[in-house]
Amino acid sequence: MSEQQPIDLYAEDSAEQSQRDGIFTPFGLVITAGAILMVSVVAWGIYQNSLSQPNEGVAPEIDQPYLGQEGRFLLSDYQGQVVVVNFWGSWCGPCRVEAPMLQQVYSDYEADGVVFVGVAVKDIESDALAYIDEFNITYPNVMDIGGVTEEDYRTQGVPETFVIDKDGNIVKFFFAQPNELELRRIIEEALSA
């Protein structure tokens, strides 16, 4: 009969010990600190770039072909109406989350003359049309040919949404998905101005 060794409940498995020791070595700490710094710099850069986007003043013109129909959307044709411009992509997860809400808000304000236009960026036309069909989007959408509209509005990614008043001025910019109550409040204010 062999003699059993007592079990040390506080002993670490050697793989766990080396993994833990690797993180806390000077090299491991430098790598971890570097990664944290890089993420912080990128986040700060995105935030700073968002500050350069137009959030007041005259909205840049939009002149792009409609998706799935003939003709072109010209923002200047809607002077005197409140316009909501939403930049999106069929490949964008947060865009898919906000799509039903935007369609509902549009449906609620369509009778008041509020115009919505979706701007598909960095997308394939067939994918963009499938997205519109999937979410039953009934407001007009355009394809941002050549990235011109995206450049004019200095977007940093998608989704991004701009609310434009009856005078053609940007009154609200939403970086990322808009809060529905805030979007409705801004539309109401723009309608009553």
N, C-alpha and C. Protein backbone atom coordinates (compact mmCIF):
# COMPACT_ATOMS: atom_id res chain seq x y z
N MET A 1 0.83 -1.17 0.00
CA MET A 1 0.00 0.00 0.00
C MET A 1 0.88 1.25 0.00
N SER A 2 0.58 2.17 -0.91
CA SER A 2 1.40 3.38 -0.96
C SER A 2 0.87 4.42 0.00
N GLU A 3 1.80 5.21 0.43
CA GLU A 3 1.44 6.25 1.40
C GLU A 3 0.90 7.46 0.64
N GLN A 4 -0.25 8.00 1.06
CA GLN A 4 -0.85 9.15 0.38
C GLN A 4 -0.22 10.43 0.88
N GLN A 5 0.02 11.32 -0.10
CA GLN A 5 0.56 12.64 0.24
C GLN A 5 -0.59 13.55 0.66
N PRO A 6 -0.38 14.37 1.66
CA PRO A 6 -1.43 15.32 2.04
C PRO A 6 -1.65 16.33 0.92
N ILE A 7 -2.89 16.76 0.78
CA ILE A 7 -3.25 17.73 -0.27
C ILE A 7 -3.07 19.12 0.31
N ASP A 8 -2.31 19.92 -0.41
CA ASP A 8 -2.11 21.31 0.00
C ASP A 8 -3.14 22.15 -0.76
N LEU A 9 -4.16 22.63 -0.05
CA LEU A 9 -5.24 23.39 -0.67
C LEU A 9 -4.77 24.75 -1.18
N TYR A 10 -3.64 25.23 -0.71
CA TYR A 10 -3.17 26.56 -1.10
C TYR A 10 -2.12 26.51 -2.20
N ALA A 11 -1.77 25.34 -2.63
CA ALA A 11 -0.75 25.21 -3.68
C ALA A 11 -1.39 25.56 -5.02
N GLU A 12 -0.63 26.24 -5.86
CA GLU A 12 -1.13 26.62 -7.18
C GLU A 12 -0.58 25.66 -8.20
N ASP A 13 -1.37 25.42 -9.18
CA ASP A 13 -0.91 24.64 -10.32
C ASP A 13 0.17 25.47 -11.02
N SER A 14 1.20 24.83 -11.51
CA SER A 14 2.34 25.56 -12.07
C SER A 14 1.95 26.40 -13.28
N ALA A 15 0.98 25.96 -14.08
CA ALA A 15 0.54 26.75 -15.24
C ALA A 15 -0.12 28.05 -14.77
N GLU A 16 -0.96 27.94 -13.74
CA GLU A 16 -1.60 29.15 -13.19
C GLU A 16 -0.55 30.10 -12.63
N GLN A 17 0.43 29.54 -11.93
CA GLN A 17 1.47 30.35 -11.32
C GLN A 17 2.27 31.09 -12.40
N SER A 18 2.66 30.38 -13.51
CA SER A 18 3.43 31.06 -14.52
C SER A 18 2.61 32.10 -15.27
N GLN A 19 1.31 31.84 -15.47
CA GLN A 19 0.46 32.80 -16.15
C GLN A 19 0.33 34.07 -15.30
N ARG A 20 0.12 33.88 -14.01
CA ARG A 20 0.00 35.03 -13.12
C ARG A 20 1.33 35.77 -13.03
N ASP A 21 2.40 35.05 -12.94
CA ASP A 21 3.71 35.69 -12.84
C ASP A 21 4.04 36.46 -14.12
N GLY A 22 3.59 35.94 -15.29
CA GLY A 22 3.86 36.60 -16.57
C GLY A 22 3.21 37.96 -16.65
N ILE A 23 2.03 38.11 -16.10
CA ILE A 23 1.33 39.38 -16.14
C ILE A 23 2.03 40.42 -15.27
N PHE A 24 2.57 39.96 -14.17
CA PHE A 24 3.16 40.89 -13.20
C PHE A 24 4.66 41.08 -13.35
N THR A 25 5.24 40.56 -14.43
CA THR A 25 6.65 40.83 -14.69
C THR A 25 6.74 42.25 -15.22
N PRO A 26 7.91 42.85 -15.18
CA PRO A 26 8.04 44.21 -15.73
C PRO A 26 7.58 44.27 -17.20
N PHE A 27 7.92 43.26 -17.98
CA PHE A 27 7.51 43.24 -19.39
C PHE A 27 5.99 43.15 -19.49
N GLY A 28 5.36 42.30 -18.69
CA GLY A 28 3.91 42.15 -18.71
C GLY A 28 3.21 43.43 -18.32
N LEU A 29 3.74 44.12 -17.33
CA LEU A 29 3.15 45.39 -16.89
C LEU A 29 3.27 46.46 -17.98
N VAL A 30 4.39 46.49 -18.68
CA VAL A 30 4.58 47.47 -19.76
C VAL A 30 3.59 47.20 -20.90
N ILE A 31 3.43 45.93 -21.25
CA ILE A 31 2.50 45.58 -22.32
C ILE A 31 1.07 45.96 -21.91
N THR A 32 0.67 45.63 -20.69
CA THR A 32 -0.68 45.96 -20.20
C THR A 32 -0.89 47.47 -20.18
N ALA A 33 0.07 48.21 -19.66
CA ALA A 33 -0.04 49.67 -19.61
C ALA A 33 -0.11 50.26 -21.02
N GLY A 34 0.67 49.70 -21.93
CA GLY A 34 0.65 50.17 -23.32
C GLY A 34 -0.71 49.95 -23.97
N ALA A 35 -1.29 48.79 -23.73
CA ALA A 35 -2.61 48.49 -24.30
C ALA A 35 -3.67 49.44 -23.76
N ILE A 36 -3.63 49.69 -22.46
CA ILE A 36 -4.58 50.62 -21.85
C ILE A 36 -4.40 52.02 -22.42
N LEU A 37 -3.17 52.45 -22.58
CA LEU A 37 -2.88 53.77 -23.13
C LEU A 37 -3.38 53.86 -24.57
N MET A 38 -3.15 52.82 -25.37
CA MET A 38 -3.59 52.85 -26.76
C MET A 38 -5.11 52.95 -26.86
N VAL A 39 -5.82 52.17 -26.08
CA VAL A 39 -7.29 52.23 -26.10
C VAL A 39 -7.75 53.63 -25.67
N SER A 40 -7.12 54.20 -24.67
CA SER A 40 -7.49 55.54 -24.20
C SER A 40 -7.25 56.59 -25.28
N VAL A 41 -6.13 56.50 -25.97
CA VAL A 41 -5.80 57.48 -27.03
C VAL A 41 -6.80 57.37 -28.18
N VAL A 42 -7.13 56.15 -28.58
CA VAL A 42 -8.10 55.97 -29.66
C VAL A 42 -9.47 56.52 -29.25
N ALA A 43 -9.92 56.21 -28.04
CA ALA A 43 -11.22 56.71 -27.56
C ALA A 43 -11.22 58.23 -27.50
N TRP A 44 -10.14 58.83 -27.02
CA TRP A 44 -10.04 60.28 -26.94
C TRP A 44 -10.06 60.89 -28.35
N GLY A 45 -9.37 60.26 -29.28
CA GLY A 45 -9.35 60.74 -30.66
C GLY A 45 -10.72 60.72 -31.30
N ILE A 46 -11.47 59.65 -31.09
CA ILE A 46 -12.82 59.56 -31.64
C ILE A 46 -13.69 60.65 -31.03
N TYR A 47 -13.57 60.85 -29.72
CA TYR A 47 -14.35 61.90 -29.06
C TYR A 47 -13.98 63.27 -29.62
N GLN A 48 -12.69 63.57 -29.75
CA GLN A 48 -12.25 64.87 -30.26
C GLN A 48 -12.72 65.09 -31.69
N ASN A 49 -12.64 64.04 -32.52
CA ASN A 49 -13.10 64.17 -33.91
C ASN A 49 -14.59 64.45 -33.96
N SER A 50 -15.35 63.86 -33.03
CA SER A 50 -16.79 64.09 -33.04
C SER A 50 -17.10 65.56 -32.74
N LEU A 51 -16.19 66.23 -32.03
CA LEU A 51 -16.41 67.65 -31.72
C LEU A 51 -16.26 68.52 -32.96
N SER A 52 -15.57 68.01 -34.00
CA SER A 52 -15.37 68.80 -35.22
C SER A 52 -16.54 68.66 -36.19
N GLN A 53 -17.49 67.81 -35.86
CA GLN A 53 -18.61 67.61 -36.76
C GLN A 53 -19.56 68.78 -36.67
N PRO A 54 -20.24 69.07 -37.78
CA PRO A 54 -21.17 70.20 -37.71
C PRO A 54 -22.33 69.89 -36.77
N ASN A 55 -22.53 70.72 -35.77
CA ASN A 55 -23.67 70.54 -34.87
C ASN A 55 -24.49 71.82 -34.76
N GLU A 56 -24.15 72.76 -35.62
CA GLU A 56 -24.94 73.98 -35.73
C GLU A 56 -24.60 74.63 -37.06
N GLY A 57 -25.34 75.63 -37.43
CA GLY A 57 -25.09 76.30 -38.71
C GLY A 57 -25.80 75.59 -39.84
N VAL A 58 -25.57 76.09 -41.04
CA VAL A 58 -26.25 75.56 -42.23
C VAL A 58 -25.77 74.14 -42.52
N ALA A 59 -26.74 73.26 -42.74
CA ALA A 59 -26.43 71.86 -43.06
C ALA A 59 -25.84 71.77 -44.46
N PRO A 60 -24.79 70.97 -44.63
CA PRO A 60 -24.26 70.76 -45.97
C PRO A 60 -25.32 70.13 -46.89
N GLU A 61 -25.24 70.49 -48.15
CA GLU A 61 -26.18 69.93 -49.13
C GLU A 61 -26.00 68.42 -49.23
N ILE A 62 -27.08 67.74 -49.48
CA ILE A 62 -27.03 66.31 -49.80
C ILE A 62 -27.59 66.19 -51.21
N ASP A 63 -26.82 65.60 -52.10
CA ASP A 63 -27.23 65.39 -53.48
C ASP A 63 -26.74 64.00 -53.87
N GLN A 64 -27.60 63.00 -53.62
CA GLN A 64 -27.23 61.60 -53.86
C GLN A 64 -28.41 60.85 -54.49
N PRO A 65 -28.11 59.77 -55.22
CA PRO A 65 -29.18 58.99 -55.84
C PRO A 65 -29.95 58.18 -54.81
N TYR A 66 -31.25 58.10 -55.03
CA TYR A 66 -32.10 57.28 -54.16
C TYR A 66 -31.70 55.81 -54.30
N LEU A 67 -31.87 55.08 -53.23
CA LEU A 67 -31.69 53.63 -53.26
C LEU A 67 -33.01 52.99 -53.68
N GLY A 68 -32.98 52.18 -54.70
CA GLY A 68 -34.17 51.43 -55.09
C GLY A 68 -35.21 52.19 -55.87
N GLN A 69 -34.91 53.41 -56.27
CA GLN A 69 -35.85 54.18 -57.09
C GLN A 69 -35.10 55.21 -57.91
N GLU A 70 -35.78 55.73 -58.90
CA GLU A 70 -35.16 56.73 -59.77
C GLU A 70 -35.07 58.08 -59.05
N GLY A 71 -34.17 58.89 -59.51
CA GLY A 71 -34.07 60.26 -59.02
C GLY A 71 -33.00 60.45 -57.96
N ARG A 72 -32.92 61.68 -57.51
CA ARG A 72 -31.90 62.07 -56.53
C ARG A 72 -32.57 62.80 -55.37
N PHE A 73 -31.99 62.66 -54.21
CA PHE A 73 -32.44 63.41 -53.04
C PHE A 73 -31.59 64.67 -52.96
N LEU A 74 -32.24 65.82 -52.91
CA LEU A 74 -31.55 67.10 -52.71
C LEU A 74 -32.09 67.70 -51.42
N LEU A 75 -31.24 67.87 -50.44
CA LEU A 75 -31.67 68.45 -49.16
C LEU A 75 -32.31 69.81 -49.36
N SER A 76 -31.76 70.62 -50.27
CA SER A 76 -32.27 71.97 -50.49
C SER A 76 -33.73 71.98 -50.98
N ASP A 77 -34.22 70.85 -51.52
CA ASP A 77 -35.63 70.77 -51.92
C ASP A 77 -36.57 70.77 -50.72
N TYR A 78 -36.04 70.56 -49.52
CA TYR A 78 -36.88 70.44 -48.33
C TYR A 78 -36.76 71.64 -47.39
N GLN A 79 -36.29 72.76 -47.93
CA GLN A 79 -36.24 74.00 -47.16
C GLN A 79 -37.65 74.28 -46.65
N GLY A 80 -37.78 74.65 -45.38
CA GLY A 80 -39.09 74.90 -44.79
C GLY A 80 -39.66 73.69 -44.07
N GLN A 81 -38.94 72.56 -44.12
CA GLN A 81 -39.37 71.35 -43.42
C GLN A 81 -38.25 70.90 -42.46
N VAL A 82 -38.66 70.21 -41.41
CA VAL A 82 -37.69 69.60 -40.50
C VAL A 82 -37.19 68.32 -41.17
N VAL A 83 -35.88 68.15 -41.18
CA VAL A 83 -35.27 66.98 -41.83
C VAL A 83 -34.38 66.25 -40.83
N VAL A 84 -34.52 64.93 -40.79
CA VAL A 84 -33.66 64.08 -39.96
C VAL A 84 -32.80 63.26 -40.92
N VAL A 85 -31.48 63.42 -40.80
CA VAL A 85 -30.53 62.71 -41.66
C VAL A 85 -29.82 61.67 -40.81
N ASN A 86 -29.95 60.40 -41.22
CA ASN A 86 -29.34 59.30 -40.47
C ASN A 86 -28.32 58.59 -41.35
N PHE A 87 -27.07 58.55 -40.89
CA PHE A 87 -26.01 57.82 -41.58
C PHE A 87 -25.97 56.40 -41.02
N TRP A 88 -25.96 55.41 -41.90
CA TRP A 88 -26.04 54.02 -41.47
C TRP A 88 -25.31 53.12 -42.46
N GLY A 89 -25.16 51.86 -42.07
CA GLY A 89 -24.61 50.84 -42.95
C GLY A 89 -25.29 49.51 -42.63
N SER A 90 -25.52 48.72 -43.64
CA SER A 90 -26.19 47.43 -43.41
C SER A 90 -25.33 46.50 -42.56
N TRP A 91 -24.03 46.74 -42.53
CA TRP A 91 -23.06 45.94 -41.79
C TRP A 91 -22.91 46.40 -40.34
N CYS A 92 -23.62 47.44 -39.96
CA CYS A 92 -23.44 48.08 -38.64
C CYS A 92 -24.45 47.55 -37.62
N GLY A 93 -23.96 46.90 -36.56
CA GLY A 93 -24.83 46.35 -35.52
C GLY A 93 -25.72 47.39 -34.85
N PRO A 94 -25.15 48.51 -34.34
CA PRO A 94 -25.99 49.53 -33.71
C PRO A 94 -27.03 50.13 -34.67
N CYS A 95 -26.72 50.17 -35.97
CA CYS A 95 -27.69 50.68 -36.95
C CYS A 95 -28.90 49.76 -36.99
N ARG A 96 -28.66 48.46 -36.89
CA ARG A 96 -29.74 47.49 -36.92
C ARG A 96 -30.61 47.63 -35.66
N VAL A 97 -30.01 48.02 -34.56
CA VAL A 97 -30.76 48.22 -33.32
C VAL A 97 -31.66 49.46 -33.43
N GLU A 98 -31.14 50.54 -34.01
CA GLU A 98 -31.90 51.79 -34.06
C GLU A 98 -32.92 51.84 -35.20
N ALA A 99 -32.78 50.99 -36.22
CA ALA A 99 -33.64 51.07 -37.41
C ALA A 99 -35.13 51.03 -37.10
N PRO A 100 -35.63 50.09 -36.28
CA PRO A 100 -37.07 50.08 -35.99
C PRO A 100 -37.54 51.36 -35.28
N MET A 101 -36.72 51.89 -34.39
CA MET A 101 -37.08 53.12 -33.68
C MET A 101 -37.16 54.29 -34.65
N LEU A 102 -36.19 54.42 -35.56
CA LEU A 102 -36.22 55.52 -36.52
C LEU A 102 -37.44 55.42 -37.43
N GLN A 103 -37.77 54.21 -37.86
CA GLN A 103 -38.96 54.02 -38.70
C GLN A 103 -40.23 54.43 -37.94
N GLN A 104 -40.31 54.07 -36.66
CA GLN A 104 -41.48 54.43 -35.86
C GLN A 104 -41.59 55.94 -35.67
N VAL A 105 -40.48 56.59 -35.37
CA VAL A 105 -40.49 58.05 -35.19
C VAL A 105 -40.89 58.72 -36.50
N TYR A 106 -40.33 58.24 -37.61
CA TYR A 106 -40.71 58.79 -38.92
C TYR A 106 -42.22 58.63 -39.15
N SER A 107 -42.75 57.44 -38.89
CA SER A 107 -44.19 57.20 -39.09
C SER A 107 -45.03 58.15 -38.25
N ASP A 108 -44.56 58.43 -37.03
CA ASP A 108 -45.32 59.31 -36.13
C ASP A 108 -45.29 60.77 -36.56
N TYR A 109 -44.25 61.19 -37.29
CA TYR A 109 -44.12 62.60 -37.67
C TYR A 109 -44.28 62.87 -39.17
N GLU A 110 -44.50 61.83 -39.94
CA GLU A 110 -44.64 62.00 -41.40
C GLU A 110 -45.78 62.96 -41.73
N ALA A 111 -46.91 62.83 -41.04
CA ALA A 111 -48.07 63.69 -41.31
C ALA A 111 -47.80 65.15 -40.97
N ASP A 112 -46.79 65.39 -40.10
CA ASP A 112 -46.42 66.76 -39.74
C ASP A 112 -45.42 67.36 -40.74
N GLY A 113 -45.08 66.59 -41.78
CA GLY A 113 -44.16 67.08 -42.79
C GLY A 113 -42.69 66.88 -42.47
N VAL A 114 -42.39 66.10 -41.43
CA VAL A 114 -40.98 65.85 -41.09
C VAL A 114 -40.43 64.85 -42.11
N VAL A 115 -39.27 65.19 -42.65
CA VAL A 115 -38.61 64.37 -43.67
C VAL A 115 -37.47 63.61 -43.01
N PHE A 116 -37.41 62.32 -43.26
CA PHE A 116 -36.28 61.51 -42.85
C PHE A 116 -35.55 61.09 -44.12
N VAL A 117 -34.24 61.02 -44.06
CA VAL A 117 -33.45 60.44 -45.15
C VAL A 117 -32.32 59.63 -44.53
N GLY A 118 -32.19 58.42 -45.01
CA GLY A 118 -31.09 57.57 -44.59
C GLY A 118 -29.98 57.66 -45.60
N VAL A 119 -28.74 57.71 -45.11
CA VAL A 119 -27.57 57.78 -46.00
C VAL A 119 -26.73 56.53 -45.76
N ALA A 120 -26.76 55.61 -46.72
CA ALA A 120 -25.98 54.37 -46.61
C ALA A 120 -24.54 54.67 -46.97
N VAL A 121 -23.63 54.36 -46.04
CA VAL A 121 -22.21 54.64 -46.27
C VAL A 121 -21.40 53.35 -46.31
N LYS A 122 -20.39 53.37 -47.18
CA LYS A 122 -19.48 52.22 -47.31
C LYS A 122 -20.25 50.91 -47.41
N ASP A 123 -21.24 50.89 -48.26
CA ASP A 123 -22.12 49.75 -48.34
C ASP A 123 -22.21 49.25 -49.77
N ILE A 124 -22.76 48.06 -49.92
CA ILE A 124 -23.06 47.47 -51.23
C ILE A 124 -24.55 47.68 -51.45
N GLU A 125 -24.90 48.14 -52.63
CA GLU A 125 -26.29 48.51 -52.89
C GLU A 125 -27.26 47.38 -52.58
N SER A 126 -26.95 46.17 -52.99
CA SER A 126 -27.88 45.05 -52.74
C SER A 126 -28.04 44.79 -51.24
N ASP A 127 -26.95 44.94 -50.46
CA ASP A 127 -27.04 44.77 -49.01
C ASP A 127 -27.86 45.89 -48.38
N ALA A 128 -27.66 47.11 -48.88
CA ALA A 128 -28.41 48.26 -48.35
C ALA A 128 -29.91 48.09 -48.64
N LEU A 129 -30.25 47.63 -49.84
CA LEU A 129 -31.66 47.41 -50.18
C LEU A 129 -32.26 46.29 -49.33
N ALA A 130 -31.49 45.25 -49.06
CA ALA A 130 -31.97 44.15 -48.20
C ALA A 130 -32.23 44.66 -46.79
N TYR A 131 -31.37 45.54 -46.29
CA TYR A 131 -31.51 46.15 -44.96
C TYR A 131 -32.82 46.96 -44.90
N ILE A 132 -33.05 47.79 -45.91
CA ILE A 132 -34.27 48.60 -45.97
C ILE A 132 -35.50 47.71 -45.96
N ASP A 133 -35.44 46.63 -46.73
CA ASP A 133 -36.56 45.68 -46.79
C ASP A 133 -36.74 44.95 -45.46
N GLU A 134 -35.62 44.52 -44.86
CA GLU A 134 -35.68 43.77 -43.59
C GLU A 134 -36.36 44.57 -42.49
N PHE A 135 -36.08 45.87 -42.42
CA PHE A 135 -36.63 46.71 -41.36
C PHE A 135 -37.86 47.51 -41.79
N ASN A 136 -38.39 47.21 -42.99
CA ASN A 136 -39.58 47.88 -43.50
C ASN A 136 -39.46 49.40 -43.44
N ILE A 137 -38.32 49.90 -43.85
CA ILE A 137 -38.07 51.34 -43.82
C ILE A 137 -38.79 51.98 -45.00
N THR A 138 -39.65 52.95 -44.68
CA THR A 138 -40.46 53.58 -45.72
C THR A 138 -39.98 54.99 -46.09
N TYR A 139 -39.08 55.56 -45.30
CA TYR A 139 -38.56 56.89 -45.66
C TYR A 139 -37.45 56.73 -46.70
N PRO A 140 -37.18 57.78 -47.47
CA PRO A 140 -36.19 57.67 -48.53
C PRO A 140 -34.78 57.42 -47.99
N ASN A 141 -34.02 56.69 -48.78
CA ASN A 141 -32.63 56.41 -48.46
C ASN A 141 -31.80 56.63 -49.71
N VAL A 142 -30.58 57.06 -49.50
CA VAL A 142 -29.66 57.30 -50.61
C VAL A 142 -28.37 56.51 -50.37
N MET A 143 -27.66 56.28 -51.46
CA MET A 143 -26.35 55.67 -51.37
C MET A 143 -25.32 56.79 -51.45
N ASP A 144 -24.41 56.83 -50.50
CA ASP A 144 -23.40 57.89 -50.48
C ASP A 144 -22.29 57.54 -51.47
N ILE A 145 -22.53 57.88 -52.72
CA ILE A 145 -21.57 57.58 -53.78
C ILE A 145 -20.31 58.42 -53.58
N GLY A 146 -19.18 57.74 -53.52
CA GLY A 146 -17.89 58.42 -53.37
C GLY A 146 -17.63 58.97 -51.98
N GLY A 147 -18.51 58.70 -51.04
CA GLY A 147 -18.31 59.18 -49.67
C GLY A 147 -18.42 60.68 -49.52
N VAL A 148 -19.03 61.35 -50.49
CA VAL A 148 -19.11 62.82 -50.50
C VAL A 148 -19.92 63.35 -49.31
N THR A 149 -21.09 62.77 -49.08
CA THR A 149 -21.95 63.26 -47.99
C THR A 149 -21.32 62.97 -46.64
N GLU A 150 -20.75 61.80 -46.52
CA GLU A 150 -20.05 61.44 -45.28
C GLU A 150 -18.92 62.45 -45.00
N GLU A 151 -18.20 62.82 -46.04
CA GLU A 151 -17.11 63.79 -45.88
C GLU A 151 -17.66 65.18 -45.53
N ASP A 152 -18.73 65.59 -46.20
CA ASP A 152 -19.31 66.92 -45.94
C ASP A 152 -19.81 67.04 -44.50
N TYR A 153 -20.34 65.95 -43.95
CA TYR A 153 -20.85 65.96 -42.58
C TYR A 153 -19.78 65.53 -41.57
N ARG A 154 -18.59 65.20 -42.07
CA ARG A 154 -17.44 64.81 -41.23
C ARG A 154 -17.81 63.70 -40.24
N THR A 155 -18.52 62.70 -40.73
CA THR A 155 -18.92 61.61 -39.86
C THR A 155 -17.70 60.80 -39.45
N GLN A 156 -17.77 60.22 -38.27
CA GLN A 156 -16.68 59.41 -37.73
C GLN A 156 -17.00 57.93 -37.78
N GLY A 157 -18.22 57.61 -38.13
CA GLY A 157 -18.67 56.22 -38.17
C GLY A 157 -20.18 56.23 -38.25
N VAL A 158 -20.76 55.09 -38.08
CA VAL A 158 -22.21 54.99 -38.09
C VAL A 158 -22.66 54.20 -36.88
N PRO A 159 -23.84 54.46 -36.38
CA PRO A 159 -24.80 55.45 -36.84
C PRO A 159 -24.49 56.85 -36.32
N GLU A 160 -24.89 57.83 -37.08
CA GLU A 160 -24.87 59.22 -36.67
C GLU A 160 -26.12 59.88 -37.26
N THR A 161 -26.69 60.80 -36.51
CA THR A 161 -27.96 61.41 -36.92
C THR A 161 -27.90 62.92 -36.70
N PHE A 162 -28.42 63.66 -37.69
CA PHE A 162 -28.49 65.12 -37.63
C PHE A 162 -29.95 65.53 -37.78
N VAL A 163 -30.37 66.51 -36.97
CA VAL A 163 -31.71 67.09 -37.12
C VAL A 163 -31.51 68.50 -37.65
N ILE A 164 -32.22 68.79 -38.74
CA ILE A 164 -32.10 70.07 -39.44
C ILE A 164 -33.44 70.79 -39.36
N ASP A 165 -33.40 72.07 -38.98
CA ASP A 165 -34.65 72.81 -38.81
C ASP A 165 -35.19 73.34 -40.14
N LYS A 166 -36.30 74.06 -40.08
CA LYS A 166 -36.98 74.55 -41.28
C LYS A 166 -36.14 75.55 -42.07
N ASP A 167 -35.16 76.18 -41.40
CA ASP A 167 -34.29 77.14 -42.08
C ASP A 167 -33.04 76.48 -42.67
N GLY A 168 -32.95 75.17 -42.52
CA GLY A 168 -31.79 74.47 -43.08
C GLY A 168 -30.59 74.43 -42.16
N ASN A 169 -30.80 74.73 -40.87
CA ASN A 169 -29.70 74.72 -39.91
C ASN A 169 -29.71 73.44 -39.07
N ILE A 170 -28.53 72.94 -38.77
CA ILE A 170 -28.42 71.78 -37.89
C ILE A 170 -28.73 72.24 -36.47
N VAL A 171 -29.70 71.57 -35.84
CA VAL A 171 -30.07 71.93 -34.47
C VAL A 171 -29.66 70.84 -33.47
N LYS A 172 -29.34 69.64 -33.98
CA LYS A 172 -28.92 68.57 -33.08
C LYS A 172 -28.11 67.54 -33.85
N PHE A 173 -27.04 67.10 -33.22
CA PHE A 173 -26.21 66.04 -33.76
C PHE A 173 -26.16 64.92 -32.74
N PHE A 174 -26.48 63.71 -33.16
CA PHE A 174 -26.40 62.53 -32.29
C PHE A 174 -25.22 61.68 -32.73
N PHE A 175 -24.22 61.60 -31.87
CA PHE A 175 -23.09 60.71 -32.12
C PHE A 175 -23.51 59.34 -31.62
N ALA A 176 -23.58 58.36 -32.50
CA ALA A 176 -24.09 57.01 -32.20
C ALA A 176 -25.61 57.06 -32.19
N GLN A 177 -26.21 56.03 -31.63
CA GLN A 177 -27.67 55.87 -31.66
C GLN A 177 -28.36 56.96 -30.84
N PRO A 178 -29.35 57.65 -31.45
CA PRO A 178 -30.05 58.68 -30.67
C PRO A 178 -30.99 58.08 -29.63
N ASN A 179 -31.15 58.79 -28.54
CA ASN A 179 -32.15 58.43 -27.55
C ASN A 179 -33.50 58.84 -28.15
N GLU A 180 -34.46 57.92 -28.18
CA GLU A 180 -35.74 58.18 -28.84
C GLU A 180 -36.47 59.38 -28.25
N LEU A 181 -36.52 59.49 -26.93
CA LEU A 181 -37.22 60.61 -26.31
C LEU A 181 -36.55 61.94 -26.66
N GLU A 182 -35.22 61.95 -26.67
CA GLU A 182 -34.48 63.16 -27.02
C GLU A 182 -34.72 63.52 -28.49
N LEU A 183 -34.71 62.52 -29.37
CA LEU A 183 -34.96 62.77 -30.79
C LEU A 183 -36.36 63.36 -30.98
N ARG A 184 -37.34 62.79 -30.32
CA ARG A 184 -38.71 63.32 -30.43
C ARG A 184 -38.80 64.75 -29.89
N ARG A 185 -38.12 65.03 -28.80
CA ARG A 185 -38.13 66.37 -28.21
C ARG A 185 -37.54 67.39 -29.18
N ILE A 186 -36.42 67.03 -29.79
CA ILE A 186 -35.76 67.94 -30.74
C ILE A 186 -36.65 68.17 -31.97
N ILE A 187 -37.28 67.12 -32.48
CA ILE A 187 -38.19 67.26 -33.63
C ILE A 187 -39.35 68.18 -33.25
N GLU A 188 -39.93 67.99 -32.07
CA GLU A 188 -41.05 68.84 -31.61
C GLU A 188 -40.62 70.31 -31.55
N GLU A 189 -39.45 70.55 -30.98
CA GLU A 189 -38.95 71.93 -30.87
C GLU A 189 -38.74 72.54 -32.25
N ALA A 190 -38.17 71.74 -33.17
CA ALA A 190 -37.92 72.26 -34.52
C ALA A 190 -39.24 72.53 -35.26
N LEU A 191 -40.24 71.71 -35.03
CA LEU A 191 -41.56 71.92 -35.65
C LEU A 191 -42.22 73.19 -35.12
N SER A 192 -42.06 73.46 -33.84
CA SER A 192 -42.76 74.60 -33.25
C SER A 192 -41.98 75.91 -33.39
N ALA A 193 -40.76 75.85 -33.84
CA ALA A 193 -39.94 77.08 -33.98
C ALA A 193 -40.40 77.90 -35.16
